[in-house]
């Protein structure tokens, strides 16, 4: 039922995990307002099935940098193609969860 879990803004990570890939169908405005803990509740599969144009529009670089490494790895090449350079950097950072990238390690 619509609204069965209450307003999306009140959902915690456990609800996103419970609803799984259905989270990909959440309206754009609701997705763009998700907080870090809510975003981290999205399953990697849910991340991967969000249509690429929608993915690029709803997630800011800040939101994308809060993805877990498992979520960031689930971002598809098609989704990446729609992202701005800043959004792509945020996903790459999240894939390594803030660790030095291989090219940075070479400069150390």
PDB file of N, CA and C in Angstrom:
ATOM      1  N   UNK A   1       0.830  -1.192   0.000  1.00  0.00           N
ATOM      2  CA  UNK A   1       0.000   0.000   0.000  1.00  0.00           C
ATOM      3  C   UNK A   1       0.869   1.248   0.000  1.00  0.00           C
ATOM      4  N   UNK A   2       0.482   2.261  -0.785  1.00  0.00           N
ATOM      5  CA  UNK A   2       1.233   3.515  -0.733  1.00  0.00           C
ATOM      6  C   UNK A   2       1.187   4.080   0.687  1.00  0.00           C
ATOM      7  N   UNK A   3       2.327   4.527   1.155  1.00  0.00           N
ATOM      8  CA  UNK A   3       2.383   5.105   2.490  1.00  0.00           C
ATOM      9  C   UNK A   3       2.360   4.088   3.603  1.00  0.00           C
ATOM     10  N   UNK A   4       2.457   2.820   3.277  1.00  0.00           N
ATOM     11  CA  UNK A   4       2.413   1.766   4.290  1.00  0.00           C
ATOM     12  C   UNK A   4       3.491   1.893   5.343  1.00  0.00           C
ATOM     13  N   UNK A   5       4.596   2.526   4.996  1.00  0.00           N
ATOM     14  CA  UNK A   5       5.694   2.717   5.933  1.00  0.00           C
ATOM     15  C   UNK A   5       5.741   4.152   6.452  1.00  0.00           C
ATOM     16  N   UNK A   6       4.755   4.964   6.083  1.00  0.00           N
ATOM     17  CA  UNK A   6       4.762   6.368   6.482  1.00  0.00           C
ATOM     18  C   UNK A   6       5.561   7.188   5.479  1.00  0.00           C
ATOM     19  N   UNK A   7       5.757   8.485   5.781  1.00  0.00           N
ATOM     20  CA  UNK A   7       6.496   9.351   4.848  1.00  0.00           C
ATOM     21  C   UNK A   7       7.945   8.888   4.666  1.00  0.00           C
ATOM     22  N   UNK A   8       8.430   8.956   3.445  1.00  0.00           N
ATOM     23  CA  UNK A   8       9.797   8.524   3.131  1.00  0.00           C
ATOM     24  C   UNK A   8      10.799   9.268   4.000  1.00  0.00           C
ATOM     25  N   UNK A   9      10.529  10.522   4.301  1.00  0.00           N
ATOM     26  CA  UNK A   9      11.469  11.319   5.096  1.00  0.00           C
ATOM     27  C   UNK A   9      11.688  10.744   6.494  1.00  0.00           C
ATOM     28  N   UNK A  10      10.773   9.914   6.957  1.00  0.00           N
ATOM     29  CA  UNK A  10      10.898   9.307   8.289  1.00  0.00           C
ATOM     30  C   UNK A  10      11.501   7.908   8.260  1.00  0.00           C
ATOM     31  N   UNK A  11      11.782   7.391   7.085  1.00  0.00           N
ATOM     32  CA  UNK A  11      12.289   6.026   6.974  1.00  0.00           C
ATOM     33  C   UNK A  11      13.733   5.943   7.449  1.00  0.00           C
ATOM     34  N   UNK A  12      14.037   4.881   8.158  1.00  0.00           N
ATOM     35  CA  UNK A  12      15.408   4.581   8.552  1.00  0.00           C
ATOM     36  C   UNK A  12      15.989   3.555   7.601  1.00  0.00           C
ATOM     37  N   UNK A  13      17.270   3.251   7.749  1.00  0.00           N
ATOM     38  CA  UNK A  13      17.909   2.273   6.856  1.00  0.00           C
ATOM     39  C   UNK A  13      17.203   0.917   6.847  1.00  0.00           C
ATOM     40  N   UNK A  14      16.636   0.526   7.982  1.00  0.00           N
ATOM     41  CA  UNK A  14      15.988  -0.782   8.052  1.00  0.00           C
ATOM     42  C   UNK A  14      14.799  -0.890   7.107  1.00  0.00           C
ATOM     43  N   UNK A  15      14.085   0.202   6.880  1.00  0.00           N
ATOM     44  CA  UNK A  15      12.942   0.149   5.955  1.00  0.00           C
ATOM     45  C   UNK A  15      13.441   0.007   4.530  1.00  0.00           C
ATOM     46  N   UNK A  16      14.495   0.757   4.166  1.00  0.00           N
ATOM     47  CA  UNK A  16      15.037   0.629   2.811  1.00  0.00           C
ATOM     48  C   UNK A  16      15.526  -0.793   2.569  1.00  0.00           C
ATOM     49  N   UNK A  17      16.167  -1.372   3.543  1.00  0.00           N
ATOM     50  CA  UNK A  17      16.648  -2.740   3.410  1.00  0.00           C
ATOM     51  C   UNK A  17      15.470  -3.696   3.260  1.00  0.00           C
ATOM     52  N   UNK A  18      14.419  -3.455   4.017  1.00  0.00           N
ATOM     53  CA  UNK A  18      13.240  -4.323   3.960  1.00  0.00           C
ATOM     54  C   UNK A  18      12.544  -4.253   2.612  1.00  0.00           C
ATOM     55  N   UNK A  19      12.445  -3.069   2.026  1.00  0.00           N
ATOM     56  CA  UNK A  19      11.720  -2.960   0.766  1.00  0.00           C
ATOM     57  C   UNK A  19      12.591  -3.257  -0.452  1.00  0.00           C
ATOM     58  N   UNK A  20      13.899  -3.375  -0.232  1.00  0.00           N
ATOM     59  CA  UNK A  20      14.796  -3.810  -1.302  1.00  0.00           C
ATOM     60  C   UNK A  20      14.754  -2.950  -2.536  1.00  0.00           C
ATOM     61  N   UNK A  21      14.647  -3.592  -3.701  1.00  0.00           N
ATOM     62  CA  UNK A  21      14.730  -2.868  -4.968  1.00  0.00           C
ATOM     63  C   UNK A  21      13.522  -1.985  -5.229  1.00  0.00           C
ATOM     64  N   UNK A  22      12.458  -2.161  -4.479  1.00  0.00           N
ATOM     65  CA  UNK A  22      11.302  -1.288  -4.645  1.00  0.00           C
ATOM     66  C   UNK A  22      11.713   0.158  -4.399  1.00  0.00           C
ATOM     67  N   UNK A  23      12.759   0.367  -3.613  1.00  0.00           N
ATOM     68  CA  UNK A  23      13.235   1.716  -3.315  1.00  0.00           C
ATOM     69  C   UNK A  23      13.596   2.476  -4.587  1.00  0.00           C
ATOM     70  N   UNK A  24      13.942   1.778  -5.656  1.00  0.00           N
ATOM     71  CA  UNK A  24      14.285   2.441  -6.914  1.00  0.00           C
ATOM     72  C   UNK A  24      13.096   3.184  -7.497  1.00  0.00           C
ATOM     73  N   UNK A  25      11.883   2.840  -7.089  1.00  0.00           N
ATOM     74  CA  UNK A  25      10.687   3.494  -7.592  1.00  0.00           C
ATOM     75  C   UNK A  25      10.229   4.680  -6.765  1.00  0.00           C
ATOM     76  N   UNK A  26      10.981   5.049  -5.750  1.00  0.00           N
ATOM     77  CA  UNK A  26      10.627   6.200  -4.925  1.00  0.00           C
ATOM     78  C   UNK A  26      10.690   7.452  -5.798  1.00  0.00           C
ATOM     79  N   UNK A  27       9.740   8.365  -5.619  1.00  0.00           N
ATOM     80  CA  UNK A  27       9.730   9.598  -6.435  1.00  0.00           C
ATOM     81  C   UNK A  27      11.044  10.376  -6.326  1.00  0.00           C
ATOM     82  N   UNK A  28      11.404  11.066  -7.411  1.00  0.00           N
ATOM     83  CA  UNK A  28      12.655  11.818  -7.488  1.00  0.00           C
ATOM     84  C   UNK A  28      12.843  12.769  -6.310  1.00  0.00           C
ATOM     85  N   UNK A  29      11.815  13.535  -5.989  1.00  0.00           N
ATOM     86  CA  UNK A  29      11.933  14.522  -4.916  1.00  0.00           C
ATOM     87  C   UNK A  29      12.249  13.856  -3.586  1.00  0.00           C
ATOM     88  N   UNK A  30      11.641  12.707  -3.321  1.00  0.00           N
ATOM     89  CA  UNK A  30      11.892  11.987  -2.067  1.00  0.00           C
ATOM     90  C   UNK A  30      13.316  11.426  -2.046  1.00  0.00           C
ATOM     91  N   UNK A  31      13.782  10.875  -3.184  1.00  0.00           N
ATOM     92  CA  UNK A  31      15.147  10.336  -3.243  1.00  0.00           C
ATOM     93  C   UNK A  31      16.180  11.443  -3.041  1.00  0.00           C
ATOM     94  N   UNK A  32      15.928  12.590  -3.633  1.00  0.00           N
ATOM     95  CA  UNK A  32      16.910  13.673  -3.530  1.00  0.00           C
ATOM     96  C   UNK A  32      17.002  14.251  -2.126  1.00  0.00           C
ATOM     97  N   UNK A  33      16.017  13.964  -1.276  1.00  0.00           N
ATOM     98  CA  UNK A  33      16.012  14.487   0.088  1.00  0.00           C
ATOM     99  C   UNK A  33      16.526  13.475   1.116  1.00  0.00           C
ATOM    100  N   UNK A  34      16.969  12.290   0.667  1.00  0.00           N
ATOM    101  CA  UNK A  34      17.416  11.276   1.613  1.00  0.00           C
ATOM    102  C   UNK A  34      18.681  11.708   2.350  1.00  0.00           C
ATOM    103  N   UNK A  35      18.736  11.353   3.612  1.00  0.00           N
ATOM    104  CA  UNK A  35      19.903  11.625   4.443  1.00  0.00           C
ATOM    105  C   UNK A  35      20.869  10.454   4.357  1.00  0.00           C
ATOM    106  N   UNK A  36      22.095  10.641   4.840  1.00  0.00           N
ATOM    107  CA  UNK A  36      23.144   9.625   4.730  1.00  0.00           C
ATOM    108  C   UNK A  36      22.694   8.260   5.247  1.00  0.00           C
ATOM    109  N   UNK A  37      22.110   8.192   6.438  1.00  0.00           N
ATOM    110  CA  UNK A  37      21.688   6.914   6.997  1.00  0.00           C
ATOM    111  C   UNK A  37      20.627   6.238   6.156  1.00  0.00           C
ATOM    112  N   UNK A  38      19.749   7.038   5.558  1.00  0.00           N
ATOM    113  CA  UNK A  38      18.712   6.468   4.700  1.00  0.00           C
ATOM    114  C   UNK A  38      19.329   5.944   3.409  1.00  0.00           C
ATOM    115  N   UNK A  39      20.244   6.705   2.833  1.00  0.00           N
ATOM    116  CA  UNK A  39      20.901   6.277   1.598  1.00  0.00           C
ATOM    117  C   UNK A  39      21.642   4.966   1.828  1.00  0.00           C
ATOM    118  N   UNK A  40      22.301   4.850   2.971  1.00  0.00           N
ATOM    119  CA  UNK A  40      23.072   3.642   3.246  1.00  0.00           C
ATOM    120  C   UNK A  40      22.179   2.425   3.471  1.00  0.00           C
ATOM    121  N   UNK A  41      20.885   2.638   3.628  1.00  0.00           N
ATOM    122  CA  UNK A  41      19.948   1.532   3.747  1.00  0.00           C
ATOM    123  C   UNK A  41      19.517   0.970   2.402  1.00  0.00           C
ATOM    124  N   UNK A  42      19.806   1.691   1.310  1.00  0.00           N
ATOM    125  CA  UNK A  42      19.469   1.187  -0.023  1.00  0.00           C
ATOM    126  C   UNK A  42      20.358  -0.013  -0.335  1.00  0.00           C
ATOM    127  N   UNK A  43      19.774  -1.055  -0.844  1.00  0.00           N
ATOM    128  CA  UNK A  43      20.578  -2.220  -1.202  1.00  0.00           C
ATOM    129  C   UNK A  43      21.374  -1.921  -2.476  1.00  0.00           C
ATOM    130  N   UNK A  44      22.514  -2.568  -2.665  1.00  0.00           N
ATOM    131  CA  UNK A  44      23.251  -2.382  -3.921  1.00  0.00           C
ATOM    132  C   UNK A  44      22.377  -2.676  -5.147  1.00  0.00           C
ATOM    133  N   UNK A  45      21.517  -3.683  -5.052  1.00  0.00           N
ATOM    134  CA  UNK A  45      20.630  -3.987  -6.182  1.00  0.00           C
ATOM    135  C   UNK A  45      19.692  -2.817  -6.459  1.00  0.00           C
ATOM    136  N   UNK A  46      19.157  -2.202  -5.403  1.00  0.00           N
ATOM    137  CA  UNK A  46      18.277  -1.042  -5.584  1.00  0.00           C
ATOM    138  C   UNK A  46      19.030   0.088  -6.279  1.00  0.00           C
ATOM    139  N   UNK A  47      20.274   0.304  -5.884  1.00  0.00           N
ATOM    140  CA  UNK A  47      21.107   1.332  -6.521  1.00  0.00           C
ATOM    141  C   UNK A  47      21.232   1.034  -8.014  1.00  0.00           C
ATOM    142  N   UNK A  48      21.532  -0.215  -8.343  1.00  0.00           N
ATOM    143  CA  UNK A  48      21.816  -0.580  -9.732  1.00  0.00           C
ATOM    144  C   UNK A  48      20.603  -0.519 -10.656  1.00  0.00           C
ATOM    145  N   UNK A  49      19.393  -0.566 -10.116  1.00  0.00           N
ATOM    146  CA  UNK A  49      18.210  -0.563 -10.988  1.00  0.00           C
ATOM    147  C   UNK A  49      17.547   0.804 -11.112  1.00  0.00           C
ATOM    148  N   UNK A  50      18.097   1.812 -10.458  1.00  0.00           N
ATOM    149  CA  UNK A  50      17.565   3.169 -10.647  1.00  0.00           C
ATOM    150  C   UNK A  50      17.941   3.592 -12.066  1.00  0.00           C
ATOM    151  N   UNK A  51      16.958   4.036 -12.854  1.00  0.00           N
ATOM    152  CA  UNK A  51      17.272   4.435 -14.236  1.00  0.00           C
ATOM    153  C   UNK A  51      18.383   5.496 -14.264  1.00  0.00           C
ATOM    154  N   UNK A  52      19.344   5.358 -15.184  1.00  0.00           N
ATOM    155  CA  UNK A  52      20.490   6.278 -15.214  1.00  0.00           C
ATOM    156  C   UNK A  52      20.145   7.767 -15.185  1.00  0.00           C
ATOM    157  N   UNK A  53      19.179   8.243 -16.001  1.00  0.00           N
ATOM    158  CA  UNK A  53      18.890   9.684 -15.936  1.00  0.00           C
ATOM    159  C   UNK A  53      18.365  10.105 -14.555  1.00  0.00           C
ATOM    160  N   UNK A  54      17.519   9.266 -13.966  1.00  0.00           N
ATOM    161  CA  UNK A  54      16.983   9.556 -12.631  1.00  0.00           C
ATOM    162  C   UNK A  54      18.107   9.556 -11.602  1.00  0.00           C
ATOM    163  N   UNK A  55      19.003   8.590 -11.682  1.00  0.00           N
ATOM    164  CA  UNK A  55      20.115   8.470 -10.752  1.00  0.00           C
ATOM    165  C   UNK A  55      20.938   9.755 -10.749  1.00  0.00           C
ATOM    166  N   UNK A  56      21.217  10.280 -11.944  1.00  0.00           N
ATOM    167  CA  UNK A  56      22.044  11.480 -12.071  1.00  0.00           C
ATOM    168  C   UNK A  56      21.348  12.721 -11.527  1.00  0.00           C
ATOM    169  N   UNK A  57      20.033  12.768 -11.646  1.00  0.00           N
ATOM    170  CA  UNK A  57      19.283  13.948 -11.223  1.00  0.00           C
ATOM    171  C   UNK A  57      19.038  13.965  -9.716  1.00  0.00           C
ATOM    172  N   UNK A  58      18.777  12.817  -9.119  1.00  0.00           N
ATOM    173  CA  UNK A  58      18.331  12.807  -7.719  1.00  0.00           C
ATOM    174  C   UNK A  58      19.455  12.815  -6.698  1.00  0.00           C
ATOM    175  N   UNK A  59      20.647  12.340  -7.037  1.00  0.00           N
ATOM    176  CA  UNK A  59      21.707  12.245  -6.043  1.00  0.00           C
ATOM    177  C   UNK A  59      22.780  13.312  -6.243  1.00  0.00           C
ATOM    178  N   UNK A  60      23.006  14.084  -5.203  1.00  0.00           N
ATOM    179  CA  UNK A  60      24.055  15.104  -5.220  1.00  0.00           C
ATOM    180  C   UNK A  60      25.409  14.431  -4.995  1.00  0.00           C
ATOM    181  N   UNK A  61      26.497  15.122  -5.285  1.00  0.00           N
ATOM    182  CA  UNK A  61      27.817  14.557  -4.981  1.00  0.00           C
ATOM    183  C   UNK A  61      27.955  14.200  -3.493  1.00  0.00           C
ATOM    184  N   UNK A  62      27.396  15.013  -2.622  1.00  0.00           N
ATOM    185  CA  UNK A  62      27.467  14.724  -1.181  1.00  0.00           C
ATOM    186  C   UNK A  62      26.759  13.418  -0.857  1.00  0.00           C
ATOM    187  N   UNK A  63      25.575  13.227  -1.434  1.00  0.00           N
ATOM    188  CA  UNK A  63      24.851  11.974  -1.200  1.00  0.00           C
ATOM    189  C   UNK A  63      25.621  10.794  -1.763  1.00  0.00           C
ATOM    190  N   UNK A  64      26.173  10.949  -2.950  1.00  0.00           N
ATOM    191  CA  UNK A  64      26.910   9.852  -3.578  1.00  0.00           C
ATOM    192  C   UNK A  64      28.162   9.493  -2.793  1.00  0.00           C
ATOM    193  N   UNK A  65      28.806  10.479  -2.179  1.00  0.00           N
ATOM    194  CA  UNK A  65      30.006  10.178  -1.398  1.00  0.00           C
ATOM    195  C   UNK A  65      29.668   9.444  -0.109  1.00  0.00           C
ATOM    196  N   UNK A  66      28.385   9.439   0.280  1.00  0.00           N
ATOM    197  CA  UNK A  66      27.987   8.719   1.492  1.00  0.00           C
ATOM    198  C   UNK A  66      27.601   7.270   1.215  1.00  0.00           C
ATOM    199  N   UNK A  67      27.657   6.848  -0.059  1.00  0.00           N
ATOM    200  CA  UNK A  67      27.383   5.449  -0.377  1.00  0.00           C
ATOM    201  C   UNK A  67      28.432   4.566   0.286  1.00  0.00           C
ATOM    202  N   UNK A  68      28.039   3.362   0.641  1.00  0.00           N
ATOM    203  CA  UNK A  68      29.023   2.383   1.112  1.00  0.00           C
ATOM    204  C   UNK A  68      29.803   1.902  -0.113  1.00  0.00           C
ATOM    205  N   UNK A  69      30.921   1.249   0.115  1.00  0.00           N
ATOM    206  CA  UNK A  69      31.694   0.758  -1.033  1.00  0.00           C
ATOM    207  C   UNK A  69      30.877  -0.251  -1.845  1.00  0.00           C
ATOM    208  N   UNK A  70      30.097  -1.102  -1.185  1.00  0.00           N
ATOM    209  CA  UNK A  70      29.269  -2.084  -1.904  1.00  0.00           C
ATOM    210  C   UNK A  70      28.220  -1.385  -2.767  1.00  0.00           C
ATOM    211  N   UNK A  71      27.632  -0.303  -2.252  1.00  0.00           N
ATOM    212  CA  UNK A  71      26.652   0.444  -3.040  1.00  0.00           C
ATOM    213  C   UNK A  71      27.330   1.135  -4.217  1.00  0.00           C
ATOM    214  N   UNK A  72      28.475   1.759  -3.961  1.00  0.00           N
ATOM    215  CA  UNK A  72      29.173   2.498  -5.013  1.00  0.00           C
ATOM    216  C   UNK A  72      29.632   1.570  -6.132  1.00  0.00           C
ATOM    217  N   UNK A  73      30.058   0.361  -5.790  1.00  0.00           N
ATOM    218  CA  UNK A  73      30.473  -0.609  -6.800  1.00  0.00           C
ATOM    219  C   UNK A  73      29.265  -1.041  -7.645  1.00  0.00           C
ATOM    220  N   UNK A  74      28.059  -0.961  -7.077  1.00  0.00           N
ATOM    221  CA  UNK A  74      26.843  -1.365  -7.793  1.00  0.00           C
ATOM    222  C   UNK A  74      26.385  -0.328  -8.816  1.00  0.00           C
ATOM    223  N   UNK A  75      26.957   0.881  -8.776  1.00  0.00           N
ATOM    224  CA  UNK A  75      26.604   1.905  -9.759  1.00  0.00           C
ATOM    225  C   UNK A  75      27.042   1.388 -11.129  1.00  0.00           C
ATOM    226  N   UNK A  76      26.114   1.371 -12.054  1.00  0.00           N
ATOM    227  CA  UNK A  76      26.381   0.784 -13.373  1.00  0.00           C
ATOM    228  C   UNK A  76      27.137   1.762 -14.276  1.00  0.00           C
ATOM    229  N   UNK A  77      27.814   1.235 -15.302  1.00  0.00           N
ATOM    230  CA  UNK A  77      28.474   2.118 -16.272  1.00  0.00           C
ATOM    231  C   UNK A  77      27.480   3.080 -16.931  1.00  0.00           C
ATOM    232  N   UNK A  78      26.264   2.611 -17.170  1.00  0.00           N
ATOM    233  CA  UNK A  78      25.243   3.464 -17.770  1.00  0.00           C
ATOM    234  C   UNK A  78      24.893   4.624 -16.839  1.00  0.00           C
ATOM    235  N   UNK A  79      24.781   4.338 -15.538  1.00  0.00           N
ATOM    236  CA  UNK A  79      24.509   5.397 -14.571  1.00  0.00           C
ATOM    237  C   UNK A  79      25.683   6.372 -14.523  1.00  0.00           C
ATOM    238  N   UNK A  80      26.904   5.851 -14.490  1.00  0.00           N
ATOM    239  CA  UNK A  80      28.092   6.702 -14.444  1.00  0.00           C
ATOM    240  C   UNK A  80      28.149   7.651 -15.634  1.00  0.00           C
ATOM    241  N   UNK A  81      27.710   7.178 -16.782  1.00  0.00           N
ATOM    242  CA  UNK A  81      27.756   8.001 -17.992  1.00  0.00           C
ATOM    243  C   UNK A  81      26.885   9.247 -17.875  1.00  0.00           C
ATOM    244  N   UNK A  82      25.858   9.200 -17.068  1.00  0.00           N
ATOM    245  CA  UNK A  82      24.954  10.337 -16.906  1.00  0.00           C
ATOM    246  C   UNK A  82      25.418  11.306 -15.814  1.00  0.00           C
ATOM    247  N   UNK A  83      26.390  10.913 -15.009  1.00  0.00           N
ATOM    248  CA  UNK A  83      26.822  11.736 -13.883  1.00  0.00           C
ATOM    249  C   UNK A  83      27.762  12.858 -14.321  1.00  0.00           C
ATOM    250  N   UNK A  84      27.733  13.940 -13.546  1.00  0.00           N
ATOM    251  CA  UNK A  84      28.684  15.029 -13.764  1.00  0.00           C
ATOM    252  C   UNK A  84      30.056  14.566 -13.281  1.00  0.00           C
ATOM    253  N   UNK A  85      31.115  15.259 -13.677  1.00  0.00           N
ATOM    254  CA  UNK A  85      32.448  14.884 -13.175  1.00  0.00           C
ATOM    255  C   UNK A  85      32.507  14.879 -11.643  1.00  0.00           C
ATOM    256  N   UNK A  86      31.868  15.839 -10.996  1.00  0.00           N
ATOM    257  CA  UNK A  86      31.881  15.891  -9.535  1.00  0.00           C
ATOM    258  C   UNK A  86      31.155  14.680  -8.934  1.00  0.00           C
ATOM    259  N   UNK A  87      30.034  14.285  -9.538  1.00  0.00           N
ATOM    260  CA  UNK A  87      29.302  13.109  -9.063  1.00  0.00           C
ATOM    261  C   UNK A  87      30.139  11.840  -9.265  1.00  0.00           C
ATOM    262  N   UNK A  88      30.826  11.733 -10.409  1.00  0.00           N
ATOM    263  CA  UNK A  88      31.671  10.558 -10.667  1.00  0.00           C
ATOM    264  C   UNK A  88      32.800  10.462  -9.647  1.00  0.00           C
ATOM    265  N   UNK A  89      33.409  11.597  -9.308  1.00  0.00           N
ATOM    266  CA  UNK A  89      34.467  11.594  -8.281  1.00  0.00           C
ATOM    267  C   UNK A  89      33.910  11.125  -6.946  1.00  0.00           C
ATOM    268  N   UNK A  90      32.687  11.553  -6.611  1.00  0.00           N
ATOM    269  CA  UNK A  90      32.072  11.142  -5.343  1.00  0.00           C
ATOM    270  C   UNK A  90      31.849   9.637  -5.314  1.00  0.00           C
ATOM    271  N   UNK A  91      31.392   9.066  -6.421  1.00  0.00           N
ATOM    272  CA  UNK A  91      31.189   7.610  -6.496  1.00  0.00           C
ATOM    273  C   UNK A  91      32.529   6.900  -6.375  1.00  0.00           C
ATOM    274  N   UNK A  92      33.542   7.386  -7.078  1.00  0.00           N
ATOM    275  CA  UNK A  92      34.873   6.759  -7.004  1.00  0.00           C
ATOM    276  C   UNK A  92      35.404   6.816  -5.582  1.00  0.00           C
ATOM    277  N   UNK A  93      35.213   7.938  -4.911  1.00  0.00           N
ATOM    278  CA  UNK A  93      35.652   8.074  -3.522  1.00  0.00           C
ATOM    279  C   UNK A  93      34.923   7.053  -2.645  1.00  0.00           C
ATOM    280  N   UNK A  94      33.612   6.932  -2.845  1.00  0.00           N
ATOM    281  CA  UNK A  94      32.813   5.992  -2.049  1.00  0.00           C
ATOM    282  C   UNK A  94      33.233   4.545  -2.322  1.00  0.00           C
ATOM    283  N   UNK A  95      33.607   4.242  -3.560  1.00  0.00           N
ATOM    284  CA  UNK A  95      34.051   2.878  -3.874  1.00  0.00           C
ATOM    285  C   UNK A  95      35.256   2.491  -3.030  1.00  0.00           C
ATOM    286  N   UNK A  96      36.081   3.463  -2.703  1.00  0.00           N
ATOM    287  CA  UNK A  96      37.276   3.209  -1.890  1.00  0.00           C
ATOM    288  C   UNK A  96      37.059   3.626  -0.447  1.00  0.00           C
ATOM    289  N   UNK A  97      35.835   4.085  -0.131  1.00  0.00           N
ATOM    290  CA  UNK A  97      35.469   4.557   1.211  1.00  0.00           C
ATOM    291  C   UNK A  97      36.521   5.482   1.802  1.00  0.00           C
ATOM    292  N   UNK A  98      36.982   6.431   0.977  1.00  0.00           N
ATOM    293  CA  UNK A  98      37.894   7.440   1.465  1.00  0.00           C
ATOM    294  C   UNK A  98      39.352   7.029   1.518  1.00  0.00           C
ATOM    295  N   UNK A  99      39.656   5.782   1.167  1.00  0.00           N
ATOM    296  CA  UNK A  99      41.054   5.340   1.163  1.00  0.00           C
ATOM    297  C   UNK A  99      41.790   6.051   0.034  1.00  0.00           C
ATOM    298  N   UNK A 100      43.082   6.124   0.149  1.00  0.00           N
ATOM    299  CA  UNK A 100      43.867   6.700  -0.938  1.00  0.00           C
ATOM    300  C   UNK A 100      43.677   5.858  -2.188  1.00  0.00           C
ATOM    301  N   UNK A 101      43.474   6.534  -3.287  1.00  0.00           N
ATOM    302  CA  UNK A 101      43.353   5.810  -4.543  1.00  0.00           C
ATOM    303  C   UNK A 101      44.741   5.338  -4.969  1.00  0.00           C
ATOM    304  N   UNK A 102      44.804   4.345  -5.845  1.00  0.00           N
ATOM    305  CA  UNK A 102      46.106   3.830  -6.282  1.00  0.00           C
ATOM    306  C   UNK A 102      47.013   4.927  -6.849  1.00  0.00           C
ATOM    307  N   UNK A 103      46.417   5.899  -7.603  1.00  0.00           N
ATOM    308  CA  UNK A 103      47.263   6.952  -8.173  1.00  0.00           C
ATOM    309  C   UNK A 103      47.791   7.886  -7.093  1.00  0.00           C
ATOM    310  N   UNK A 104      47.027   8.104  -6.008  1.00  0.00           N
ATOM    311  CA  UNK A 104      47.501   8.934  -4.897  1.00  0.00           C
ATOM    312  C   UNK A 104      48.616   8.207  -4.140  1.00  0.00           C
ATOM    313  N   UNK A 105      48.469   6.898  -3.990  1.00  0.00           N
ATOM    314  CA  UNK A 105      49.486   6.124  -3.277  1.00  0.00           C
ATOM    315  C   UNK A 105      50.820   6.203  -4.014  1.00  0.00           C
ATOM    316  N   UNK A 106      50.773   6.246  -5.343  1.00  0.00           N
ATOM    317  CA  UNK A 106      51.986   6.329  -6.130  1.00  0.00           C
ATOM    318  C   UNK A 106      52.701   7.652  -5.942  1.00  0.00           C
ATOM    319  N   UNK A 107      51.948   8.703  -5.581  1.00  0.00           N
ATOM    320  CA  UNK A 107      52.548  10.022  -5.374  1.00  0.00           C
ATOM    321  C   UNK A 107      53.089  10.191  -3.979  1.00  0.00           C
ATOM    322  N   UNK A 108      52.742   9.310  -3.055  1.00  0.00           N
ATOM    323  CA  UNK A 108      53.178   9.444  -1.652  1.00  0.00           C
ATOM    324  C   UNK A 108      54.633   9.105  -1.482  1.00  0.00           C
TER     325      UNK A 108
END
